[in-house]
Amino acid sequence: MSDDATARCLVVLKQVKGFPRDQAENAVYLMELREEFPLVDPVEVCRAYRVWMRDNPGKAKNYRSRLRTFFARKTNDLEDGDRGGRGAGRGDFRRRLGGAKNFDSRI
């Protein structure tokens, strides 16, 4: 990851309430994530993470682990792009059956 992308990610992560404040450790962690998930734009993922954390306060017990999950999901979305994200989920199945009212969850 370029130094510019790392710096931009660090600025975004500083805005997440409760995220660890050790910038050096965060930079190393971001580099590791970028090596593990080279397909994703790290700044985009960090911004999505910031929004999710703002909308779901208190949901993350381990902030860095949750950030890693965001990187992994974005990678899965990119790899499965032709299937519309993570594939045909329950919502897609319900839509094909004519909506949730016609869906029997016991199937």
Protein backbone atom coordinates (compact mmCIF):
# COMPACT_ATOMS: atom_id res chain seq x y z
CA MET A 1 0.00 0.00 0.00
CA SER A 2 1.36 3.39 -0.84
CA ASP A 3 2.27 5.76 1.95
CA ASP A 4 -0.49 8.08 0.73
CA ALA A 5 -3.15 5.37 1.02
CA THR A 6 -1.88 4.40 4.47
CA ALA A 7 -1.99 8.01 5.63
CA ARG A 8 -5.51 8.46 4.27
CA CYS A 9 -6.67 5.25 5.96
CA LEU A 10 -5.15 6.35 9.25
CA VAL A 11 -7.02 9.67 9.05
CA VAL A 12 -10.29 7.80 8.45
CA LEU A 13 -9.65 5.32 11.27
CA LYS A 14 -8.90 8.15 13.72
CA GLN A 15 -12.53 9.18 13.23
CA VAL A 16 -13.82 5.81 14.45
CA LYS A 17 -14.77 6.08 18.10
CA GLY A 18 -12.94 3.42 20.10
CA PHE A 19 -10.48 2.38 17.38
CA PRO A 20 -6.96 1.86 18.80
CA ARG A 21 -4.94 5.08 18.60
CA ASP A 22 -1.45 3.63 18.10
CA GLN A 23 -0.77 5.00 14.60
CA ALA A 24 2.40 2.98 14.04
CA GLU A 25 0.68 -0.27 14.95
CA ASN A 26 -2.34 0.67 12.81
CA ALA A 27 -0.05 1.41 9.84
CA VAL A 28 1.62 -2.00 10.16
CA TYR A 29 -1.79 -3.68 10.41
CA LEU A 30 -3.01 -1.85 7.30
CA MET A 31 0.07 -3.00 5.39
CA GLU A 32 -0.66 -6.60 6.42
CA LEU A 33 -4.28 -6.26 5.31
CA ARG A 34 -3.20 -4.83 1.97
CA GLU A 35 -0.84 -7.76 1.40
CA GLU A 36 -3.56 -10.25 2.33
CA PHE A 37 -6.29 -8.52 0.27
CA PRO A 38 -4.55 -6.88 -2.72
CA LEU A 39 -7.71 -6.47 -4.83
CA VAL A 40 -9.45 -3.90 -2.64
CA ASP A 41 -9.05 -0.15 -2.33
CA PRO A 42 -8.04 0.24 1.33
CA VAL A 43 -9.33 3.81 1.62
CA GLU A 44 -12.75 2.76 0.32
CA VAL A 45 -12.90 -0.12 2.80
CA CYS A 46 -11.83 2.10 5.71
CA ARG A 47 -14.52 4.64 4.81
CA ALA A 48 -17.19 1.92 4.66
CA TYR A 49 -15.94 0.63 8.02
CA ARG A 50 -16.17 4.13 9.53
CA VAL A 51 -19.76 4.53 8.34
CA TRP A 52 -20.75 1.09 9.64
CA MET A 53 -19.14 1.74 13.02
CA ARG A 54 -20.93 5.08 13.30
CA ASP A 55 -24.27 3.44 12.46
CA ASN A 56 -23.66 0.42 14.72
CA PRO A 57 -21.94 1.72 17.85
CA GLY A 58 -20.82 -0.90 20.31
CA LYS A 59 -21.10 -3.81 17.87
CA ALA A 60 -17.34 -4.36 17.49
CA LYS A 61 -15.49 -5.97 20.34
CA ASN A 62 -12.20 -6.13 18.49
CA TYR A 63 -11.95 -3.16 16.16
CA ARG A 64 -9.05 -4.44 14.08
CA SER A 65 -10.69 -7.83 13.62
CA ARG A 66 -13.85 -6.11 12.38
CA LEU A 67 -11.76 -4.06 9.94
CA ARG A 68 -10.19 -7.27 8.62
CA THR A 69 -13.69 -8.65 8.08
CA PHE A 70 -14.52 -5.60 5.97
CA PHE A 71 -11.44 -6.20 3.82
CA ALA A 72 -12.36 -9.88 3.40
CA ARG A 73 -15.97 -9.12 2.47
CA LYS A 74 -14.94 -6.50 -0.06
CA THR A 75 -12.56 -9.03 -1.63
CA ASN A 76 -15.36 -11.60 -1.79
CA ASP A 77 -17.66 -9.02 -3.38
CA LEU A 78 -15.06 -8.25 -6.04
CA GLU A 79 -14.37 -11.91 -6.76
CA ASP A 80 -18.09 -12.73 -6.95
CA GLY A 81 -19.03 -9.57 -8.83
CA ASP A 82 -20.94 -11.40 -11.53
CA ARG A 83 -23.16 -13.03 -8.89
CA GLY A 84 -24.12 -9.75 -7.24
CA GLY A 85 -21.99 -9.84 -4.11
CA ARG A 86 -21.78 -12.94 -1.97
CA GLY A 87 -24.04 -14.96 -4.22
CA ALA A 88 -27.74 -15.67 -4.14
CA GLY A 89 -28.63 -15.11 -0.53
CA ARG A 90 -31.92 -15.66 1.19
CA GLY A 91 -33.22 -12.25 0.05
CA ASP A 92 -32.65 -13.14 -3.61
CA PHE A 93 -34.41 -16.47 -3.11
CA ARG A 94 -37.41 -14.77 -1.51
CA ARG A 95 -37.67 -12.28 -4.37
CA ARG A 96 -37.72 -15.11 -6.91
CA LEU A 97 -40.60 -16.72 -5.02
CA GLY A 98 -42.68 -13.54 -5.12
CA GLY A 99 -41.70 -11.81 -1.90
CA ALA A 100 -41.29 -12.63 1.76
CA LYS A 101 -45.02 -13.30 2.32
CA ASN A 102 -44.85 -16.32 -0.01
CA PHE A 103 -41.66 -17.66 1.52
CA ASP A 104 -41.88 -20.58 3.91
CA SER A 105 -38.77 -20.43 6.12
CA ARG A 106 -39.24 -24.09 7.11
CA ILE A 107 -38.05 -25.23 3.67
